[in-house]
Amino acid sequence: MSEDKKEFTLSKQLLRSGTSVGAMIREAEFAESKKDFIHKMAIAQKEINEAIYWIELLSETGFLNSKQFEDINKDAIEVIKLITSIIKSAKASLSNNN
């Protein structure tokens, strides 16, 4: 497999998982219930975690230099922290209402 083909394959996976994060967050905005909101945010959390995997793989295979990796990975880590915090808050709110 050529280097260009490998990079395209990895980049395509990153694009898929990265864009699905935003789509799931958008879906969560109109969740049918608090549980549905938490579920959709949990899917977004899984997708950003997968995106981080692809970012790491792109770095380890040399398709991203260390500066590119650090910048992108730092942003992705911030997103996963934010989503995790939102999920925790929503779960706490759900528990308090029961």
PDB file of N, CA and C in Angstrom:
ATOM      1  N   MET A   1       0.852  -1.185   0.000  1.00  0.00           N
ATOM      2  CA  MET A   1       0.000   0.000   0.000  1.00  0.00           C
ATOM      3  C   MET A   1       0.889   1.236   0.000  1.00  0.00           C
ATOM      4  N   SER A   2       0.583   2.178  -0.875  1.00  0.00           N
ATOM      5  CA  SER A   2       1.401   3.381  -0.964  1.00  0.00           C
ATOM      6  C   SER A   2       1.192   4.264   0.261  1.00  0.00           C
ATOM      7  N   GLU A   3       2.167   5.126   0.501  1.00  0.00           N
ATOM      8  CA  GLU A   3       2.091   6.039   1.644  1.00  0.00           C
ATOM      9  C   GLU A   3       0.873   6.956   1.533  1.00  0.00           C
ATOM     10  N   ASP A   4       0.599   7.432   0.316  1.00  0.00           N
ATOM     11  CA  ASP A   4      -0.561   8.304   0.113  1.00  0.00           C
ATOM     12  C   ASP A   4      -1.855   7.574   0.448  1.00  0.00           C
ATOM     13  N   LYS A   5      -1.944   6.319   0.062  1.00  0.00           N
ATOM     14  CA  LYS A   5      -3.150   5.517   0.327  1.00  0.00           C
ATOM     15  C   LYS A   5      -3.312   5.294   1.836  1.00  0.00           C
ATOM     16  N   LYS A   6      -2.200   5.019   2.524  1.00  0.00           N
ATOM     17  CA  LYS A   6      -2.256   4.828   3.977  1.00  0.00           C
ATOM     18  C   LYS A   6      -2.722   6.101   4.673  1.00  0.00           C
ATOM     19  N   GLU A   7      -2.132   7.231   4.259  1.00  0.00           N
ATOM     20  CA  GLU A   7      -2.509   8.509   4.870  1.00  0.00           C
ATOM     21  C   GLU A   7      -3.974   8.815   4.607  1.00  0.00           C
ATOM     22  N   PHE A   8      -4.439   8.551   3.378  1.00  0.00           N
ATOM     23  CA  PHE A   8      -5.827   8.796   3.040  1.00  0.00           C
ATOM     24  C   PHE A   8      -6.753   7.946   3.910  1.00  0.00           C
ATOM     25  N   THR A   9      -6.413   6.681   4.086  1.00  0.00           N
ATOM     26  CA  THR A   9      -7.229   5.767   4.891  1.00  0.00           C
ATOM     27  C   THR A   9      -7.307   6.239   6.336  1.00  0.00           C
ATOM     28  N   LEU A  10      -6.173   6.586   6.932  1.00  0.00           N
ATOM     29  CA  LEU A  10      -6.153   7.069   8.318  1.00  0.00           C
ATOM     30  C   LEU A  10      -6.884   8.397   8.447  1.00  0.00           C
ATOM     31  N   SER A  11      -6.650   9.294   7.506  1.00  0.00           N
ATOM     32  CA  SER A  11      -7.298  10.609   7.538  1.00  0.00           C
ATOM     33  C   SER A  11      -8.807  10.479   7.387  1.00  0.00           C
ATOM     34  N   LYS A  12      -9.246   9.556   6.552  1.00  0.00           N
ATOM     35  CA  LYS A  12     -10.674   9.327   6.341  1.00  0.00           C
ATOM     36  C   LYS A  12     -11.338   8.840   7.632  1.00  0.00           C
ATOM     37  N   GLN A  13     -10.656   7.970   8.355  1.00  0.00           N
ATOM     38  CA  GLN A  13     -11.174   7.477   9.630  1.00  0.00           C
ATOM     39  C   GLN A  13     -11.265   8.616  10.650  1.00  0.00           C
ATOM     40  N   LEU A  14     -10.241   9.453  10.690  1.00  0.00           N
ATOM     41  CA  LEU A  14     -10.247  10.605  11.599  1.00  0.00           C
ATOM     42  C   LEU A  14     -11.385  11.564  11.243  1.00  0.00           C
ATOM     43  N   LEU A  15     -11.575  11.818   9.973  1.00  0.00           N
ATOM     44  CA  LEU A  15     -12.649  12.702   9.531  1.00  0.00           C
ATOM     45  C   LEU A  15     -14.009  12.138   9.941  1.00  0.00           C
ATOM     46  N   ARG A  16     -14.206  10.840   9.771  1.00  0.00           N
ATOM     47  CA  ARG A  16     -15.481  10.210  10.113  1.00  0.00           C
ATOM     48  C   ARG A  16     -15.768  10.319  11.609  1.00  0.00           C
ATOM     49  N   SER A  17     -14.779   9.922  12.432  1.00  0.00           N
ATOM     50  CA  SER A  17     -15.011   9.956  13.880  1.00  0.00           C
ATOM     51  C   SER A  17     -15.074  11.392  14.393  1.00  0.00           C
ATOM     52  N   GLY A  18     -14.241  12.257  13.850  1.00  0.00           N
ATOM     53  CA  GLY A  18     -14.224  13.650  14.292  1.00  0.00           C
ATOM     54  C   GLY A  18     -15.509  14.392  13.983  1.00  0.00           C
ATOM     55  N   THR A  19     -16.063  14.177  12.800  1.00  0.00           N
ATOM     56  CA  THR A  19     -17.300  14.870  12.448  1.00  0.00           C
ATOM     57  C   THR A  19     -18.515  14.271  13.152  1.00  0.00           C
ATOM     58  N   SER A  20     -18.440  13.010  13.513  1.00  0.00           N
ATOM     59  CA  SER A  20     -19.586  12.411  14.202  1.00  0.00           C
ATOM     60  C   SER A  20     -19.726  12.953  15.624  1.00  0.00           C
ATOM     61  N   VAL A  21     -18.631  13.463  16.195  1.00  0.00           N
ATOM     62  CA  VAL A  21     -18.699  14.079  17.526  1.00  0.00           C
ATOM     63  C   VAL A  21     -19.683  15.249  17.489  1.00  0.00           C
ATOM     64  N   GLY A  22     -19.490  16.140  16.562  1.00  0.00           N
ATOM     65  CA  GLY A  22     -20.367  17.297  16.435  1.00  0.00           C
ATOM     66  C   GLY A  22     -21.800  16.903  16.118  1.00  0.00           C
ATOM     67  N   ALA A  23     -21.957  15.896  15.282  1.00  0.00           N
ATOM     68  CA  ALA A  23     -23.298  15.440  14.925  1.00  0.00           C
ATOM     69  C   ALA A  23     -24.036  14.892  16.143  1.00  0.00           C
ATOM     70  N   MET A  24     -23.345  14.136  16.986  1.00  0.00           N
ATOM     71  CA  MET A  24     -23.990  13.567  18.170  1.00  0.00           C
ATOM     72  C   MET A  24     -24.311  14.657  19.194  1.00  0.00           C
ATOM     73  N   ILE A  25     -23.439  15.629  19.323  1.00  0.00           N
ATOM     74  CA  ILE A  25     -23.708  16.741  20.240  1.00  0.00           C
ATOM     75  C   ILE A  25     -24.927  17.514  19.732  1.00  0.00           C
ATOM     76  N   ARG A  26     -25.000  17.702  18.441  1.00  0.00           N
ATOM     77  CA  ARG A  26     -26.153  18.396  17.849  1.00  0.00           C
ATOM     78  C   ARG A  26     -27.439  17.614  18.113  1.00  0.00           C
ATOM     79  N   GLU A  27     -27.369  16.281  17.962  1.00  0.00           N
ATOM     80  CA  GLU A  27     -28.527  15.446  18.264  1.00  0.00           C
ATOM     81  C   GLU A  27     -28.917  15.561  19.736  1.00  0.00           C
ATOM     82  N   ALA A  28     -27.920  15.609  20.605  1.00  0.00           N
ATOM     83  CA  ALA A  28     -28.181  15.685  22.045  1.00  0.00           C
ATOM     84  C   ALA A  28     -28.935  16.966  22.412  1.00  0.00           C
ATOM     85  N   GLU A  29     -28.747  18.014  21.644  1.00  0.00           N
ATOM     86  CA  GLU A  29     -29.452  19.271  21.902  1.00  0.00           C
ATOM     87  C   GLU A  29     -30.969  19.084  21.921  1.00  0.00           C
ATOM     88  N   PHE A  30     -31.456  18.151  21.128  1.00  0.00           N
ATOM     89  CA  PHE A  30     -32.893  17.908  21.024  1.00  0.00           C
ATOM     90  C   PHE A  30     -33.258  16.508  21.508  1.00  0.00           C
ATOM     91  N   ALA A  31     -32.539  16.061  22.514  1.00  0.00           N
ATOM     92  CA  ALA A  31     -32.806  14.736  23.077  1.00  0.00           C
ATOM     93  C   ALA A  31     -34.223  14.670  23.619  1.00  0.00           C
ATOM     94  N   GLU A  32     -34.778  13.484  23.589  1.00  0.00           N
ATOM     95  CA  GLU A  32     -36.153  13.290  24.042  1.00  0.00           C
ATOM     96  C   GLU A  32     -36.272  13.267  25.559  1.00  0.00           C
ATOM     97  N   SER A  33     -35.173  13.008  26.230  1.00  0.00           N
ATOM     98  CA  SER A  33     -35.170  12.946  27.691  1.00  0.00           C
ATOM     99  C   SER A  33     -33.748  13.167  28.188  1.00  0.00           C
ATOM    100  N   LYS A  34     -33.602  13.299  29.498  1.00  0.00           N
ATOM    101  CA  LYS A  34     -32.265  13.453  30.089  1.00  0.00           C
ATOM    102  C   LYS A  34     -31.425  12.200  29.805  1.00  0.00           C
ATOM    103  N   LYS A  35     -32.064  11.019  29.906  1.00  0.00           N
ATOM    104  CA  LYS A  35     -31.336   9.764  29.623  1.00  0.00           C
ATOM    105  C   LYS A  35     -30.886   9.713  28.168  1.00  0.00           C
ATOM    106  N   ASP A  36     -31.745  10.165  27.258  1.00  0.00           N
ATOM    107  CA  ASP A  36     -31.392  10.199  25.839  1.00  0.00           C
ATOM    108  C   ASP A  36     -30.238  11.172  25.611  1.00  0.00           C
ATOM    109  N   PHE A  37     -30.278  12.315  26.291  1.00  0.00           N
ATOM    110  CA  PHE A  37     -29.191  13.294  26.207  1.00  0.00           C
ATOM    111  C   PHE A  37     -27.869  12.663  26.652  1.00  0.00           C
ATOM    112  N   ILE A  38     -27.894  11.985  27.790  1.00  0.00           N
ATOM    113  CA  ILE A  38     -26.687  11.346  28.320  1.00  0.00           C
ATOM    114  C   ILE A  38     -26.183  10.288  27.343  1.00  0.00           C
ATOM    115  N   HIS A  39     -27.102   9.518  26.788  1.00  0.00           N
ATOM    116  CA  HIS A  39     -26.726   8.472  25.830  1.00  0.00           C
ATOM    117  C   HIS A  39     -26.041   9.070  24.599  1.00  0.00           C
ATOM    118  N   LYS A  40     -26.611  10.127  24.048  1.00  0.00           N
ATOM    119  CA  LYS A  40     -26.031  10.751  22.857  1.00  0.00           C
ATOM    120  C   LYS A  40     -24.674  11.392  23.171  1.00  0.00           C
ATOM    121  N   MET A  41     -24.553  11.989  24.343  1.00  0.00           N
ATOM    122  CA  MET A  41     -23.264  12.571  24.730  1.00  0.00           C
ATOM    123  C   MET A  41     -22.220  11.468  24.950  1.00  0.00           C
ATOM    124  N   ALA A  42     -22.666  10.321  25.462  1.00  0.00           N
ATOM    125  CA  ALA A  42     -21.737   9.200  25.655  1.00  0.00           C
ATOM    126  C   ALA A  42     -21.231   8.687  24.309  1.00  0.00           C
ATOM    127  N   ILE A  43     -22.089   8.701  23.295  1.00  0.00           N
ATOM    128  CA  ILE A  43     -21.640   8.310  21.953  1.00  0.00           C
ATOM    129  C   ILE A  43     -20.628   9.329  21.430  1.00  0.00           C
ATOM    130  N   ALA A  44     -20.889  10.608  21.652  1.00  0.00           N
ATOM    131  CA  ALA A  44     -19.935  11.657  21.244  1.00  0.00           C
ATOM    132  C   ALA A  44     -18.595  11.446  21.948  1.00  0.00           C
ATOM    133  N   GLN A  45     -18.650  11.058  23.218  1.00  0.00           N
ATOM    134  CA  GLN A  45     -17.433  10.797  23.992  1.00  0.00           C
ATOM    135  C   GLN A  45     -16.641   9.633  23.375  1.00  0.00           C
ATOM    136  N   LYS A  46     -17.337   8.589  22.986  1.00  0.00           N
ATOM    137  CA  LYS A  46     -16.670   7.449  22.340  1.00  0.00           C
ATOM    138  C   LYS A  46     -16.051   7.856  21.015  1.00  0.00           C
ATOM    139  N   GLU A  47     -16.756   8.695  20.274  1.00  0.00           N
ATOM    140  CA  GLU A  47     -16.251   9.125  18.967  1.00  0.00           C
ATOM    141  C   GLU A  47     -15.012  10.008  19.098  1.00  0.00           C
ATOM    142  N   ILE A  48     -14.988  10.920  20.076  1.00  0.00           N
ATOM    143  CA  ILE A  48     -13.793  11.755  20.249  1.00  0.00           C
ATOM    144  C   ILE A  48     -12.629  10.898  20.735  1.00  0.00           C
ATOM    145  N   ASN A  49     -12.935   9.883  21.537  1.00  0.00           N
ATOM    146  CA  ASN A  49     -11.889   8.971  21.964  1.00  0.00           C
ATOM    147  C   ASN A  49     -11.308   8.218  20.756  1.00  0.00           C
ATOM    148  N   GLU A  50     -12.180   7.818  19.843  1.00  0.00           N
ATOM    149  CA  GLU A  50     -11.703   7.161  18.626  1.00  0.00           C
ATOM    150  C   GLU A  50     -10.883   8.130  17.779  1.00  0.00           C
ATOM    151  N   ALA A  51     -11.335   9.376  17.685  1.00  0.00           N
ATOM    152  CA  ALA A  51     -10.590  10.376  16.914  1.00  0.00           C
ATOM    153  C   ALA A  51      -9.183  10.552  17.489  1.00  0.00           C
ATOM    154  N   ILE A  52      -9.076  10.541  18.808  1.00  0.00           N
ATOM    155  CA  ILE A  52      -7.761  10.652  19.456  1.00  0.00           C
ATOM    156  C   ILE A  52      -6.877   9.474  19.048  1.00  0.00           C
ATOM    157  N   TYR A  53      -7.465   8.300  18.966  1.00  0.00           N
ATOM    158  CA  TYR A  53      -6.717   7.114  18.511  1.00  0.00           C
ATOM    159  C   TYR A  53      -6.145   7.352  17.114  1.00  0.00           C
ATOM    160  N   TRP A  54      -6.994   7.853  16.189  1.00  0.00           N
ATOM    161  CA  TRP A  54      -6.526   8.080  14.819  1.00  0.00           C
ATOM    162  C   TRP A  54      -5.465   9.179  14.763  1.00  0.00           C
ATOM    163  N   ILE A  55      -5.601  10.190  15.607  1.00  0.00           N
ATOM    164  CA  ILE A  55      -4.591  11.250  15.674  1.00  0.00           C
ATOM    165  C   ILE A  55      -3.255  10.657  16.131  1.00  0.00           C
ATOM    166  N   GLU A  56      -3.300   9.810  17.143  1.00  0.00           N
ATOM    167  CA  GLU A  56      -2.084   9.157  17.638  1.00  0.00           C
ATOM    168  C   GLU A  56      -1.458   8.283  16.553  1.00  0.00           C
ATOM    169  N   LEU A  57      -2.293   7.551  15.827  1.00  0.00           N
ATOM    170  CA  LEU A  57      -1.795   6.687  14.762  1.00  0.00           C
ATOM    171  C   LEU A  57      -1.173   7.498  13.640  1.00  0.00           C
ATOM    172  N   LEU A  58      -1.809   8.611  13.277  1.00  0.00           N
ATOM    173  CA  LEU A  58      -1.231   9.480  12.243  1.00  0.00           C
ATOM    174  C   LEU A  58       0.123  10.024  12.692  1.00  0.00           C
ATOM    175  N   SER A  59       0.261  10.310  13.969  1.00  0.00           N
ATOM    176  CA  SER A  59       1.535  10.796  14.496  1.00  0.00           C
ATOM    177  C   SER A  59       2.586   9.691  14.490  1.00  0.00           C
ATOM    178  N   GLU A  60       2.200   8.537  14.992  1.00  0.00           N
ATOM    179  CA  GLU A  60       3.153   7.428  15.100  1.00  0.00           C
ATOM    180  C   GLU A  60       3.637   6.922  13.739  1.00  0.00           C
ATOM    181  N   THR A  61       2.818   7.109  12.720  1.00  0.00           N
ATOM    182  CA  THR A  61       3.226   6.674  11.381  1.00  0.00           C
ATOM    183  C   THR A  61       3.926   7.785  10.608  1.00  0.00           C
ATOM    184  N   GLY A  62       4.096   8.955  11.254  1.00  0.00           N
ATOM    185  CA  GLY A  62       4.853  10.039  10.641  1.00  0.00           C
ATOM    186  C   GLY A  62       4.054  10.941   9.723  1.00  0.00           C
ATOM    187  N   PHE A  63       2.735  10.776   9.676  1.00  0.00           N
ATOM    188  CA  PHE A  63       1.918  11.641   8.823  1.00  0.00           C
ATOM    189  C   PHE A  63       1.631  12.979   9.476  1.00  0.00           C
ATOM    190  N   LEU A  64       1.813  13.058  10.793  1.00  0.00           N
ATOM    191  CA  LEU A  64       1.739  14.330  11.521  1.00  0.00           C
ATOM    192  C   LEU A  64       3.089  14.561  12.187  1.00  0.00           C
ATOM    193  N   ASN A  65       3.597  15.775  12.117  1.00  0.00           N
ATOM    194  CA  ASN A  65       4.828  16.063  12.854  1.00  0.00           C
ATOM    195  C   ASN A  65       4.462  16.299  14.318  1.00  0.00           C
ATOM    196  N   SER A  66       5.443  16.409  15.173  1.00  0.00           N
ATOM    197  CA  SER A  66       5.166  16.505  16.612  1.00  0.00           C
ATOM    198  C   SER A  66       4.368  17.760  16.972  1.00  0.00           C
ATOM    199  N   LYS A  67       4.619  18.870  16.301  1.00  0.00           N
ATOM    200  CA  LYS A  67       3.879  20.112  16.561  1.00  0.00           C
ATOM    201  C   LYS A  67       2.406  19.943  16.162  1.00  0.00           C
ATOM    202  N   GLN A  68       2.172  19.391  14.983  1.00  0.00           N
ATOM    203  CA  GLN A  68       0.799  19.158  14.536  1.00  0.00           C
ATOM    204  C   GLN A  68       0.076  18.232  15.517  1.00  0.00           C
ATOM    205  N   PHE A  69       0.745  17.162  15.897  1.00  0.00           N
ATOM    206  CA  PHE A  69       0.139  16.214  16.829  1.00  0.00           C
ATOM    207  C   PHE A  69      -0.207  16.892  18.145  1.00  0.00           C
ATOM    208  N   GLU A  70       0.746  17.633  18.707  1.00  0.00           N
ATOM    209  CA  GLU A  70       0.515  18.291  20.000  1.00  0.00           C
ATOM    210  C   GLU A  70      -0.674  19.243  19.947  1.00  0.00           C
ATOM    211  N   ASP A  71      -0.768  20.027  18.883  1.00  0.00           N
ATOM    212  CA  ASP A  71      -1.862  20.995  18.752  1.00  0.00           C
ATOM    213  C   ASP A  71      -3.216  20.295  18.619  1.00  0.00           C
ATOM    214  N   ILE A  72      -3.292  19.330  17.719  1.00  0.00           N
ATOM    215  CA  ILE A  72      -4.560  18.639  17.475  1.00  0.00           C
ATOM    216  C   ILE A  72      -4.946  17.791  18.676  1.00  0.00           C
ATOM    217  N   ASN A  73      -3.989  17.074  19.227  1.00  0.00           N
ATOM    218  CA  ASN A  73      -4.269  16.202  20.367  1.00  0.00           C
ATOM    219  C   ASN A  73      -4.722  17.013  21.580  1.00  0.00           C
ATOM    220  N   LYS A  74      -4.083  18.158  21.800  1.00  0.00           N
ATOM    221  CA  LYS A  74      -4.456  19.033  22.925  1.00  0.00           C
ATOM    222  C   LYS A  74      -5.921  19.460  22.802  1.00  0.00           C
ATOM    223  N   ASP A  75      -6.321  19.850  21.614  1.00  0.00           N
ATOM    224  CA  ASP A  75      -7.714  20.245  21.386  1.00  0.00           C
ATOM    225  C   ASP A  75      -8.667  19.073  21.601  1.00  0.00           C
ATOM    226  N   ALA A  76      -8.304  17.912  21.100  1.00  0.00           N
ATOM    227  CA  ALA A  76      -9.157  16.730  21.239  1.00  0.00           C
ATOM    228  C   ALA A  76      -9.296  16.322  22.700  1.00  0.00           C
ATOM    229  N   ILE A  77      -8.223  16.426  23.460  1.00  0.00           N
ATOM    230  CA  ILE A  77      -8.272  16.108  24.893  1.00  0.00           C
ATOM    231  C   ILE A  77      -9.201  17.089  25.611  1.00  0.00           C
ATOM    232  N   GLU A  78      -9.153  18.353  25.235  1.00  0.00           N
ATOM    233  CA  GLU A  78     -10.057  19.347  25.833  1.00  0.00           C
ATOM    234  C   GLU A  78     -11.517  19.008  25.527  1.00  0.00           C
ATOM    235  N   VAL A  79     -11.771  18.561  24.306  1.00  0.00           N
ATOM    236  CA  VAL A  79     -13.142  18.194  23.923  1.00  0.00           C
ATOM    237  C   VAL A  79     -13.620  16.998  24.743  1.00  0.00           C
ATOM    238  N   ILE A  80     -12.786  15.982  24.896  1.00  0.00           N
ATOM    239  CA  ILE A  80     -13.221  14.801  25.656  1.00  0.00           C
ATOM    240  C   ILE A  80     -13.436  15.155  27.130  1.00  0.00           C
ATOM    241  N   LYS A  81     -12.603  16.046  27.660  1.00  0.00           N
ATOM    242  CA  LYS A  81     -12.794  16.492  29.049  1.00  0.00           C
ATOM    243  C   LYS A  81     -14.116  17.234  29.201  1.00  0.00           C
ATOM    244  N   LEU A  82     -14.421  18.082  28.255  1.00  0.00           N
ATOM    245  CA  LEU A  82     -15.660  18.853  28.285  1.00  0.00           C
ATOM    246  C   LEU A  82     -16.880  17.930  28.205  1.00  0.00           C
ATOM    247  N   ILE A  83     -16.839  16.996  27.267  1.00  0.00           N
ATOM    248  CA  ILE A  83     -17.957  16.057  27.114  1.00  0.00           C
ATOM    249  C   ILE A  83     -18.117  15.216  28.370  1.00  0.00           C
ATOM    250  N   THR A  84     -17.015  14.752  28.944  1.00  0.00           N
ATOM    251  CA  THR A  84     -17.068  13.954  30.167  1.00  0.00           C
ATOM    252  C   THR A  84     -17.692  14.754  31.302  1.00  0.00           C
ATOM    253  N   SER A  85     -17.323  16.008  31.418  1.00  0.00           N
ATOM    254  CA  SER A  85     -17.883  16.883  32.445  1.00  0.00           C
ATOM    255  C   SER A  85     -19.390  17.070  32.248  1.00  0.00           C
ATOM    256  N   ILE A  86     -19.808  17.250  31.015  1.00  0.00           N
ATOM    257  CA  ILE A  86     -21.230  17.412  30.710  1.00  0.00           C
ATOM    258  C   ILE A  86     -21.994  16.150  31.084  1.00  0.00           C
ATOM    259  N   ILE A  87     -21.451  15.005  30.764  1.00  0.00           N
ATOM    260  CA  ILE A  87     -22.100  13.732  31.099  1.00  0.00           C
ATOM    261  C   ILE A  87     -22.223  13.575  32.610  1.00  0.00           C
ATOM    262  N   LYS A  88     -21.151  13.868  33.330  1.00  0.00           N
ATOM    263  CA  LYS A  88     -21.184  13.764  34.793  1.00  0.00           C
ATOM    264  C   LYS A  88     -22.240  14.688  35.389  1.00  0.00           C
ATOM    265  N   SER A  89     -22.300  15.916  34.907  1.00  0.00           N
ATOM    266  CA  SER A  89     -23.293  16.875  35.401  1.00  0.00           C
ATOM    267  C   SER A  89     -24.714  16.413  35.103  1.00  0.00           C
ATOM    268  N   ALA A  90     -24.917  15.894  33.895  1.00  0.00           N
ATOM    269  CA  ALA A  90     -26.246  15.431  33.513  1.00  0.00           C
ATOM    270  C   ALA A  90     -26.669  14.224  34.341  1.00  0.00           C
ATOM    271  N   LYS A  91     -25.715  13.321  34.612  1.00  0.00           N
ATOM    272  CA  LYS A  91     -26.017  12.161  35.454  1.00  0.00           C
ATOM    273  C   LYS A  91     -26.346  12.587  36.873  1.00  0.00           C
ATOM    274  N   ALA A  92     -25.604  13.551  37.388  1.00  0.00           N
ATOM    275  CA  ALA A  92     -25.863  14.053  38.744  1.00  0.00           C
ATOM    276  C   ALA A  92     -27.240  14.710  38.811  1.00  0.00           C
ATOM    277  N   SER A  93     -27.576  15.471  37.789  1.00  0.00           N
ATOM    278  CA  SER A  93     -28.887  16.124  37.719  1.00  0.00           C
ATOM    279  C   SER A  93     -30.002  15.089  37.652  1.00  0.00           C
ATOM    280  N   LEU A  94     -29.767  14.044  36.895  1.00  0.00           N
ATOM    281  CA  LEU A  94     -30.750  12.971  36.773  1.00  0.00           C
ATOM    282  C   LEU A  94     -30.943  12.262  38.113  1.00  0.00           C
ATOM    283  N   SER A  95     -29.849  12.016  38.822  1.00  0.00           N
ATOM    284  CA  SER A  95     -29.919  11.363  40.136  1.00  0.00           C
ATOM    285  C   SER A  95     -30.647  12.231  41.148  1.00  0.00           C
ATOM    286  N   ASN A  96     -30.418  13.535  41.102  1.00  0.00           N
ATOM    287  CA  ASN A  96     -31.051  14.458  42.041  1.00  0.00           C
ATOM    288  C   ASN A  96     -32.553  14.587  41.827  1.00  0.00           C
ATOM    289  N   ASN A  97     -32.996  14.305  40.604  1.00  0.00           N
ATOM    290  CA  ASN A  97     -34.414  14.418  40.289  1.00  0.00           C
ATOM    291  C   ASN A  97     -35.191  13.155  40.604  1.00  0.00           C
ATOM    292  N   ASN A  98     -34.505  12.099  40.978  1.00  0.00           N
ATOM    293  CA  ASN A  98     -35.190  10.831  41.285  1.00  0.00           C
ATOM    294  C   ASN A  98     -35.373  10.636  42.763  1.00  0.00           C
TER     295      ASN A  98
END
